[in-house]
């Protein structure tokens, strides 16, 4: 694997030439941008989550060479281990700093009009929420995350790189990604949620749960933030996630610090309750992917108890999630890496785009509010599409 350090402007130019690149896989955080080109080795089949780390570590060992003793793998883990995962050791890896706003040139295009399709219809989603609430009354469930999708069909070819550029421009503090899923579709998104990262022996996780739609008025956002920090439903939902993740991480970390109260972070579309968990590994052989595979899926995207929630999701949602609410990121052969939760994302094929969003259902949830919350979360992608689209000549 050839590794090349480039400037952020050169990285941005490469993304703009997306269609000419060979098997591109892009991932970015606030610290670094990675672009994998070509495929030296890959895994594309279902792998049990408890076998992921060993499987990928073997892949990395097999790709070591005298010229490159620390290869990097880029990968995606699905929501369900029944679905194929996708890991790639690229032929070339281009590395740059975070892309600057001035480098992100988003070109408008006449993408519309769109033909819309809902999976399921909002009213049917509300029915599933009410059924989940009934299960909670019966004592079966504590929490379940139910998702829905909006599929947009276009007569024109959709360029995933343009969506990526718009997402990076509008969401500079999120984790940006765009990658071929292995089936001629691209997963593109801007996730605010870090599942886990490992740097040396330092471990960081940042679960999010509990949300409000962000307002254009900052005074109103301050009120919404206070509401998140004072509403029992949101605090209970968030605590379920934090407690579950801390119970996993404490098995591997000393000096694990879990703040007693969450804070509020914001994206251009949403406000979220957030807890930054930090610790130091007891054993430096524990990789970022091992931690990710033990944490996934968290109650933030599945529910509690996990197995019962997963079964309820499979019975209630009229589509396979695939990589939505899965995990995407990278790891080197020394175990360092970053893995983020696949939310605020879309699946892009040549003439269709499917936007996903989910909401955590706990006692006290209201179906109509969850319908609105999922619509607001879809705004991260839909706002970019609105930016990209220019009206056809003669349109009002």
Protein backbone atom coordinates (compact mmCIF):
# COMPACT_ATOMS: atom_id res chain seq x y z
CA UNK A 1 0.00 0.00 0.00
CA UNK A 2 1.41 3.34 -1.07
CA UNK A 3 0.75 6.14 1.43
CA UNK A 4 0.94 9.73 0.23
CA UNK A 5 0.53 12.95 2.22
CA UNK A 6 -1.20 15.68 0.23
CA UNK A 7 -2.52 19.19 0.82
CA UNK A 8 -6.18 19.70 1.62
CA UNK A 9 -6.74 21.53 -1.66
CA UNK A 10 -5.34 18.56 -3.60
CA UNK A 11 -7.59 16.22 -1.63
CA UNK A 12 -10.62 18.35 -2.48
CA UNK A 13 -9.70 18.29 -6.18
CA UNK A 14 -9.47 14.50 -6.07
CA UNK A 15 -12.99 14.28 -4.63
CA UNK A 16 -14.30 16.52 -7.40
CA UNK A 17 -12.95 13.95 -9.90
CA UNK A 18 -14.74 11.13 -8.05
CA UNK A 19 -16.08 9.35 -11.14
CA UNK A 20 -12.53 9.01 -12.50
CA UNK A 21 -11.12 7.47 -9.30
CA UNK A 22 -10.66 3.73 -8.84
CA UNK A 23 -12.77 2.35 -5.97
CA UNK A 24 -12.65 5.53 -3.85
CA UNK A 25 -13.28 5.35 -0.08
CA UNK A 26 -13.28 8.69 1.76
CA UNK A 27 -13.37 9.28 5.52
CA UNK A 28 -12.65 12.47 7.45
CA UNK A 29 -12.58 13.70 11.04
CA UNK A 30 -11.65 17.05 12.54
CA UNK A 31 -7.99 15.96 12.47
CA UNK A 32 -7.47 14.07 9.21
CA UNK A 33 -8.92 13.19 5.80
CA UNK A 34 -8.29 9.78 4.21
CA UNK A 35 -8.92 8.76 0.61
CA UNK A 36 -8.34 5.16 -0.35
CA UNK A 37 -7.86 4.35 -4.03
CA UNK A 38 -7.90 0.92 -5.61
CA UNK A 39 -8.24 -2.35 -3.74
CA UNK A 40 -5.19 -4.36 -2.71
CA UNK A 41 -7.18 -6.73 -0.46
CA UNK A 42 -10.74 -6.79 0.79
CA UNK A 43 -13.37 -8.57 2.86
CA UNK A 44 -16.95 -8.50 1.59
CA UNK A 45 -19.08 -11.12 3.29
CA UNK A 46 -20.90 -11.54 6.61
CA UNK A 47 -18.61 -11.87 9.64
CA UNK A 48 -19.78 -12.44 13.21
CA UNK A 49 -19.04 -9.32 15.23
CA UNK A 50 -16.95 -11.29 17.74
CA UNK A 51 -14.77 -12.46 14.82
CA UNK A 52 -14.31 -9.08 13.14
CA UNK A 53 -11.15 -7.99 14.91
CA UNK A 54 -9.29 -11.26 14.31
CA UNK A 55 -10.42 -11.35 10.68
CA UNK A 56 -9.32 -7.79 9.93
CA UNK A 57 -6.06 -8.09 11.89
CA UNK A 58 -5.18 -11.09 9.69
CA UNK A 59 -5.99 -9.01 6.61
CA UNK A 60 -3.63 -6.27 7.81
CA UNK A 61 -0.84 -8.74 8.69
CA UNK A 62 -1.06 -10.23 5.20
CA UNK A 63 -0.59 -6.76 3.69
CA UNK A 64 2.56 -5.82 5.56
CA UNK A 65 5.70 -5.40 3.50
CA UNK A 66 9.27 -4.12 4.00
CA UNK A 67 8.12 -0.86 2.42
CA UNK A 68 4.94 -0.59 4.53
CA UNK A 69 4.95 -2.19 7.98
CA UNK A 70 1.79 -0.40 9.15
CA UNK A 71 -0.96 -0.73 6.51
CA UNK A 72 -4.39 0.81 7.05
CA UNK A 73 -7.79 -0.72 6.46
CA UNK A 74 -10.92 1.30 5.66
CA UNK A 75 -14.17 -0.38 6.50
CA UNK A 76 -17.90 -0.54 7.10
CA UNK A 77 -19.74 -2.76 9.56
CA UNK A 78 -23.49 -3.36 8.98
CA UNK A 79 -26.19 -2.99 11.62
CA UNK A 80 -26.76 -6.76 11.55
CA UNK A 81 -23.99 -9.34 11.39
CA UNK A 82 -26.19 -11.30 8.98
CA UNK A 83 -25.33 -8.67 6.34
CA UNK A 84 -21.94 -8.39 4.55
CA UNK A 85 -19.29 -6.17 6.07
CA UNK A 86 -16.89 -4.32 3.76
CA UNK A 87 -13.19 -3.79 4.53
CA UNK A 88 -10.59 -2.59 2.04
CA UNK A 89 -6.82 -2.25 2.15
CA UNK A 90 -6.38 0.27 -0.66
CA UNK A 91 -3.63 0.27 -3.26
CA UNK A 92 -3.00 3.93 -2.43
CA UNK A 93 -3.93 6.00 0.62
CA UNK A 94 -3.93 9.77 0.34
CA UNK A 95 -3.82 11.61 3.67
CA UNK A 96 -4.47 15.30 4.27
CA UNK A 97 -5.57 17.67 6.99
CA UNK A 98 -9.26 18.48 7.29
CA UNK A 99 -10.65 19.98 4.11
CA UNK A 100 -11.01 23.74 4.32
CA UNK A 101 -14.25 25.51 3.51
CA UNK A 102 -12.62 27.43 0.64
CA UNK A 103 -11.57 24.14 -0.99
CA UNK A 104 -15.09 22.73 -1.08
CA UNK A 105 -16.64 23.81 -4.36
CA UNK A 106 -20.24 22.63 -4.51
CA UNK A 107 -21.76 22.90 -7.97
CA UNK A 108 -25.51 23.20 -8.37
CA UNK A 109 -27.24 20.95 -10.87
CA UNK A 110 -30.76 20.36 -12.13
CA UNK A 111 -31.30 17.14 -10.20
CA UNK A 112 -35.06 17.44 -9.80
CA UNK A 113 -37.85 16.93 -9.94
CA UNK A 114 -37.71 14.02 -7.50
CA UNK A 115 -40.22 11.20 -7.23
CA UNK A 116 -40.63 10.51 -3.52
CA UNK A 117 -41.26 7.18 -1.83
CA UNK A 118 -41.59 6.64 1.95
CA UNK A 119 -40.50 3.44 3.71
CA UNK A 120 -42.79 3.18 5.63
CA UNK A 121 -45.43 5.90 5.34
CA UNK A 122 -45.20 8.32 8.31
CA UNK A 123 -48.52 7.07 9.72
CA UNK A 124 -47.27 3.46 9.60
CA UNK A 125 -44.09 4.55 11.37
CA UNK A 126 -46.27 6.11 14.06
CA UNK A 127 -48.11 2.80 14.43
CA UNK A 128 -44.78 1.02 15.02
CA UNK A 129 -43.87 3.60 17.67
CA UNK A 130 -47.16 2.98 19.48
CA UNK A 131 -46.63 -0.78 19.31
CA UNK A 132 -43.18 -0.33 20.84
CA UNK A 133 -44.67 1.77 23.64
CA UNK A 134 -47.14 -1.03 24.33
CA UNK A 135 -44.27 -3.51 24.60
CA UNK A 136 -42.63 -1.19 27.11
CA UNK A 137 -45.80 -1.07 29.17
CA UNK A 138 -45.73 -4.87 29.19
CA UNK A 139 -42.17 -4.76 30.51
CA UNK A 140 -40.60 -6.38 27.42
CA UNK A 141 -38.58 -3.39 26.21
CA UNK A 142 -36.76 -0.48 27.85
CA UNK A 143 -35.86 1.27 24.60
CA UNK A 144 -35.92 0.61 20.86
CA UNK A 145 -34.64 2.74 18.00
CA UNK A 146 -37.01 2.72 15.04
CA UNK A 147 -35.95 4.11 11.68
CA UNK A 148 -37.62 5.07 8.45
CA UNK A 149 -36.42 6.09 5.01
CA UNK A 150 -37.28 8.45 2.20
CA UNK A 151 -36.28 7.33 -1.30
CA UNK A 152 -35.84 9.95 -4.00
CA UNK A 153 -35.83 8.87 -7.64
CA UNK A 154 -34.22 11.03 -10.32
CA UNK A 155 -34.09 10.79 -14.09
CA UNK A 156 -30.58 12.22 -13.94
CA UNK A 157 -27.45 10.53 -12.65
CA UNK A 158 -26.65 11.48 -9.05
CA UNK A 159 -23.03 12.32 -8.20
CA UNK A 160 -22.25 11.12 -4.63
CA UNK A 161 -19.16 13.33 -4.49
CA UNK A 162 -21.27 16.47 -4.86
CA UNK A 163 -23.39 15.36 -1.92
CA UNK A 164 -20.22 14.65 0.07
CA UNK A 165 -18.80 18.11 -0.70
CA UNK A 166 -22.05 19.75 0.39
CA UNK A 167 -22.10 17.73 3.60
CA UNK A 168 -18.50 18.63 4.44
CA UNK A 169 -19.26 22.27 3.77
CA UNK A 170 -22.40 22.37 5.90
CA UNK A 171 -21.16 20.03 8.67
CA UNK A 172 -17.47 20.87 9.27
CA UNK A 173 -17.35 19.33 12.76
CA UNK A 174 -18.92 16.00 11.77
CA UNK A 175 -17.26 12.84 10.47
CA UNK A 176 -17.65 12.83 6.68
CA UNK A 177 -17.68 9.69 4.57
CA UNK A 178 -18.39 8.41 1.09
CA UNK A 179 -17.61 4.87 0.02
CA UNK A 180 -18.70 2.14 -2.34
CA UNK A 181 -20.61 -0.48 -0.37
CA UNK A 182 -19.34 -3.18 -2.69
CA UNK A 183 -22.57 -3.33 -4.69
CA UNK A 184 -22.44 -0.28 -7.02
CA UNK A 185 -23.97 1.96 -4.36
CA UNK A 186 -22.30 4.67 -2.31
CA UNK A 187 -22.85 5.31 1.37
CA UNK A 188 -22.48 9.04 1.99
CA UNK A 189 -23.00 10.98 5.19
CA UNK A 190 -21.86 13.36 7.93
CA UNK A 191 -22.14 11.68 11.32
CA UNK A 192 -21.77 13.61 14.58
CA UNK A 193 -21.36 10.41 16.65
CA UNK A 194 -18.01 8.82 17.47
CA UNK A 195 -18.49 5.20 18.52
CA UNK A 196 -14.88 4.80 19.66
CA UNK A 197 -11.36 5.91 18.77
CA UNK A 198 -8.00 4.60 19.94
CA UNK A 199 -4.76 6.60 19.83
CA UNK A 200 -1.94 4.68 21.46
CA UNK A 201 -3.46 3.53 24.74
CA UNK A 202 -5.96 6.40 24.92
CA UNK A 203 -9.60 5.59 24.21
CA UNK A 204 -12.43 8.04 23.50
CA UNK A 205 -16.14 7.41 22.88
CA UNK A 206 -18.87 9.99 22.42
CA UNK A 207 -22.42 8.57 22.57
CA UNK A 208 -25.34 10.77 21.56
CA UNK A 209 -28.99 10.22 22.53
CA UNK A 210 -31.77 12.72 23.12
CA UNK A 211 -32.42 15.27 20.37
CA UNK A 212 -34.11 18.52 19.42
CA UNK A 213 -34.37 20.27 16.06
CA UNK A 214 -31.99 23.21 15.97
CA UNK A 215 -33.55 26.64 15.61
CA UNK A 216 -32.28 29.59 13.55
CA UNK A 217 -32.48 31.72 16.73
CA UNK A 218 -29.63 31.09 19.17
CA UNK A 219 -31.72 32.31 22.11
CA UNK A 220 -34.26 29.61 21.26
CA UNK A 221 -31.44 27.05 20.95
CA UNK A 222 -30.35 27.88 24.49
CA UNK A 223 -33.90 27.15 25.68
CA UNK A 224 -33.95 23.88 23.73
CA UNK A 225 -30.60 22.90 25.26
CA UNK A 226 -31.92 23.53 28.76
CA UNK A 227 -34.99 21.47 27.89
CA UNK A 228 -32.78 18.53 26.87
CA UNK A 229 -30.88 18.75 30.15
CA UNK A 230 -34.06 18.92 32.24
CA UNK A 231 -36.44 16.48 30.51
CA UNK A 232 -36.68 13.10 32.24
CA UNK A 233 -37.43 11.20 29.00
CA UNK A 234 -34.30 12.50 27.25
CA UNK A 235 -32.06 11.98 30.28
CA UNK A 236 -33.28 8.39 30.71
CA UNK A 237 -32.76 7.66 27.02
CA UNK A 238 -29.24 9.06 27.16
CA UNK A 239 -28.31 7.29 30.39
CA UNK A 240 -29.26 3.89 28.90
CA UNK A 241 -26.68 4.40 26.15
CA UNK A 242 -23.92 5.77 28.38
CA UNK A 243 -24.31 3.01 30.99
CA UNK A 244 -24.21 0.26 28.35
CA UNK A 245 -21.09 1.68 26.69
CA UNK A 246 -19.30 2.33 29.98
CA UNK A 247 -19.92 -1.27 31.08
CA UNK A 248 -18.07 -2.49 27.95
CA UNK A 249 -15.22 0.01 28.09
CA UNK A 250 -14.51 -0.50 31.78
CA UNK A 251 -13.52 -4.09 30.98
CA UNK A 252 -10.62 -2.74 28.91
CA UNK A 253 -9.79 0.65 30.42
CA UNK A 254 -8.30 2.03 33.59
CA UNK A 255 -8.97 5.61 34.67
CA UNK A 256 -12.26 5.50 32.75
CA UNK A 257 -13.89 8.90 33.05
CA UNK A 258 -17.64 9.11 32.48
CA UNK A 259 -19.08 12.58 33.21
CA UNK A 260 -21.97 12.44 35.65
CA UNK A 261 -24.10 14.76 33.48
CA UNK A 262 -24.30 15.03 29.69
CA UNK A 263 -23.68 18.21 27.74
CA UNK A 264 -25.36 19.45 24.57
CA UNK A 265 -23.67 19.51 21.17
CA UNK A 266 -25.11 20.94 17.98
CA UNK A 267 -25.05 20.24 14.27
CA UNK A 268 -26.57 22.54 11.66
CA UNK A 269 -29.79 20.50 11.88
CA UNK A 270 -29.99 19.12 15.42
CA UNK A 271 -29.11 19.48 19.11
CA UNK A 272 -28.02 16.31 20.95
CA UNK A 273 -27.27 15.19 24.48
CA UNK A 274 -23.62 14.11 24.48
CA UNK A 275 -21.25 12.38 26.90
CA UNK A 276 -17.51 12.25 26.23
CA UNK A 277 -16.09 9.04 27.72
CA UNK A 278 -12.30 8.75 28.06
CA UNK A 279 -9.99 6.05 29.36
CA UNK A 280 -6.61 4.32 29.11
CA UNK A 281 -6.25 0.73 27.93
CA UNK A 282 -4.97 -1.89 30.34
CA UNK A 283 -3.74 -3.94 27.39
CA UNK A 284 -2.30 -2.17 24.34
CA UNK A 285 -3.15 -5.23 22.19
CA UNK A 286 -6.85 -4.29 22.33
CA UNK A 287 -7.55 -2.59 19.00
CA UNK A 288 -9.99 0.14 18.05
CA UNK A 289 -11.94 -2.41 16.02
CA UNK A 290 -12.17 -4.86 18.92
CA UNK A 291 -13.70 -2.09 21.05
CA UNK A 292 -16.04 -1.07 18.24
CA UNK A 293 -17.24 -4.63 17.62
CA UNK A 294 -17.95 -5.15 21.34
CA UNK A 295 -19.85 -1.86 21.61
CA UNK A 296 -21.88 -2.24 18.40
CA UNK A 297 -24.82 -1.96 18.21
CA UNK A 298 -25.28 0.42 21.14
CA UNK A 299 -28.67 1.36 22.61
CA UNK A 300 -28.30 4.64 20.68
CA UNK A 301 -29.13 2.82 17.45
CA UNK A 302 -30.65 -0.47 18.58
CA UNK A 303 -32.23 -0.52 22.02
CA UNK A 304 -32.31 -2.26 25.38
CA UNK A 305 -32.36 -5.21 25.94
CA UNK A 306 -30.31 -5.51 22.74
CA UNK A 307 -31.59 -8.86 21.43
CA UNK A 308 -35.26 -8.06 22.04
CA UNK A 309 -34.86 -4.61 20.48
CA UNK A 310 -33.11 -6.07 17.43
CA UNK A 311 -35.92 -8.58 16.92
CA UNK A 312 -38.53 -5.82 17.22
CA UNK A 313 -36.66 -3.72 14.64
CA UNK A 314 -36.49 -6.61 12.16
CA UNK A 315 -40.22 -7.19 12.51
CA UNK A 316 -41.20 -3.51 12.34
CA UNK A 317 -39.00 -1.91 9.66
CA UNK A 318 -39.93 -2.64 6.01
CA UNK A 319 -36.32 -2.56 4.79
CA UNK A 320 -32.89 -3.94 5.61
CA UNK A 321 -30.80 -1.27 7.30
CA UNK A 322 -27.61 -2.53 5.70
CA UNK A 323 -24.87 -0.11 6.73
CA UNK A 324 -27.29 2.48 8.13
CA UNK A 325 -26.76 2.55 11.94
CA UNK A 326 -23.69 0.46 11.28
CA UNK A 327 -20.11 1.65 11.74
CA UNK A 328 -17.60 3.24 9.36
CA UNK A 329 -13.96 4.21 9.81
CA UNK A 330 -10.37 3.06 9.69
CA UNK A 331 -7.68 1.21 11.62
CA UNK A 332 -3.96 0.62 11.22
CA UNK A 333 -2.13 -2.63 11.98
CA UNK A 334 -1.09 -1.26 15.40
CA UNK A 335 -4.72 -1.01 16.47
CA UNK A 336 -5.14 2.76 16.27
CA UNK A 337 -8.25 4.01 14.52
CA UNK A 338 -11.58 5.82 14.50
CA UNK A 339 -15.01 4.22 14.14
CA UNK A 340 -18.17 6.30 13.90
CA UNK A 341 -21.87 5.48 13.86
CA UNK A 342 -23.49 5.62 10.42
CA UNK A 343 -26.24 8.18 10.94
CA UNK A 344 -27.17 11.34 8.96
CA UNK A 345 -26.52 9.30 5.86
CA UNK A 346 -27.89 8.24 2.50
CA UNK A 347 -27.43 5.37 0.09
CA UNK A 348 -26.78 6.66 -3.43
CA UNK A 349 -27.28 4.68 -6.64
CA UNK A 350 -27.07 6.20 -10.14
CA UNK A 351 -30.72 7.32 -10.25
CA UNK A 352 -31.95 7.07 -6.66
CA UNK A 353 -31.02 8.27 -3.21
CA UNK A 354 -32.35 6.82 0.05
CA UNK A 355 -32.18 9.00 3.17
CA UNK A 356 -32.40 7.25 6.55
CA UNK A 357 -33.22 8.50 10.04
CA UNK A 358 -34.11 6.90 13.35
CA UNK A 359 -35.40 7.91 16.77
CA UNK A 360 -35.07 6.35 20.19
CA UNK A 361 -38.40 5.23 21.61
CA UNK A 362 -38.69 5.10 25.41
CA UNK A 363 -41.64 5.39 27.81
CA UNK A 364 -43.00 8.90 27.36
CA UNK A 365 -42.32 9.02 23.63
CA UNK A 366 -45.11 10.41 21.42
CA UNK A 367 -45.54 8.98 17.93
CA UNK A 368 -46.08 12.32 16.18
CA UNK A 369 -43.00 13.79 17.84
CA UNK A 370 -40.89 10.83 16.68
CA UNK A 371 -42.19 11.26 13.12
CA UNK A 372 -41.11 14.91 13.27
CA UNK A 373 -37.74 14.06 14.81
CA UNK A 374 -36.87 11.59 12.05
CA UNK A 375 -37.94 14.16 9.44
CA UNK A 376 -35.66 16.75 11.07
CA UNK A 377 -32.72 14.34 11.08
CA UNK A 378 -33.22 13.69 7.36
CA UNK A 379 -32.63 17.42 6.96
CA UNK A 380 -28.85 16.93 7.11
CA UNK A 381 -28.99 15.23 3.69
CA UNK A 382 -32.05 17.01 2.28
CA UNK A 383 -30.58 20.45 3.01
CA UNK A 384 -27.58 19.57 0.84
CA UNK A 385 -29.84 18.38 -1.98
CA UNK A 386 -31.67 21.70 -1.79
CA UNK A 387 -28.34 23.51 -2.03
CA UNK A 388 -27.29 21.42 -5.04
CA UNK A 389 -30.55 21.75 -6.94
CA UNK A 390 -31.15 24.70 -9.25
CA UNK A 391 -34.59 25.23 -10.76
CA UNK A 392 -35.04 24.36 -14.39
CA UNK A 393 -35.55 27.25 -16.79
CA UNK A 394 -39.10 28.52 -16.69
CA UNK A 395 -39.76 27.18 -13.17
CA UNK A 396 -41.22 29.60 -10.65
